[in-house]
Amino acid sequence: MNIIDKLLETPCYIMDFLPKQVPMNCGGQFFEVETYLLNHYDYCGLRDRFVGVILKAMCYYPVSVHWGKWIEQPTPEQVTKIIDTILESHSGDVNILFTSKDVLLQFGWDCLNISIYNPDEEMCMLFEKIAASEGLFWRKSA
């Protein structure tokens, strides 16, 4: 089992544009809004928020990015280009490993959040602050 598969089985937290998970059958228009935002990722600044989260986290911990192959300590330009490629092609995902902590950040085109697997208490506190600084919400995944 590789490190990504191993970490995907650990506790997960998310940074989301919504403050809580939308309940089933609530009568809202979640799927219409989600589809709209997935196809207009620059609306509401979601692209900039997601890039901001990743770049801010890179300031605190060394990372390796899995994007077809492993990229050790990528530049901010490389990370931004990967996110832009995912959003512009409407497909794909990227795995970012915080190597000193065995923590995985996963970003994919098909959802409007960032998933973070296996964060310890220190990282949870930091990610909560980073999320707030980008206008996102931090919570344990349901």
Foldseek 3Di string as FASTA:
>chain_A
DDLVVVQVPFWKKKWFLDQDDDDPPPPDDVVVVLVVCLLVVPVVPLLVLVLQLVVVVCVPAWKWKDDVHTDGRDDSVVVSVVSVVQSVVLFDKMWIARVVQSKIWIDHSNGSMIMITDDDPVVLVVSQVSSVVSNIHMDTDD
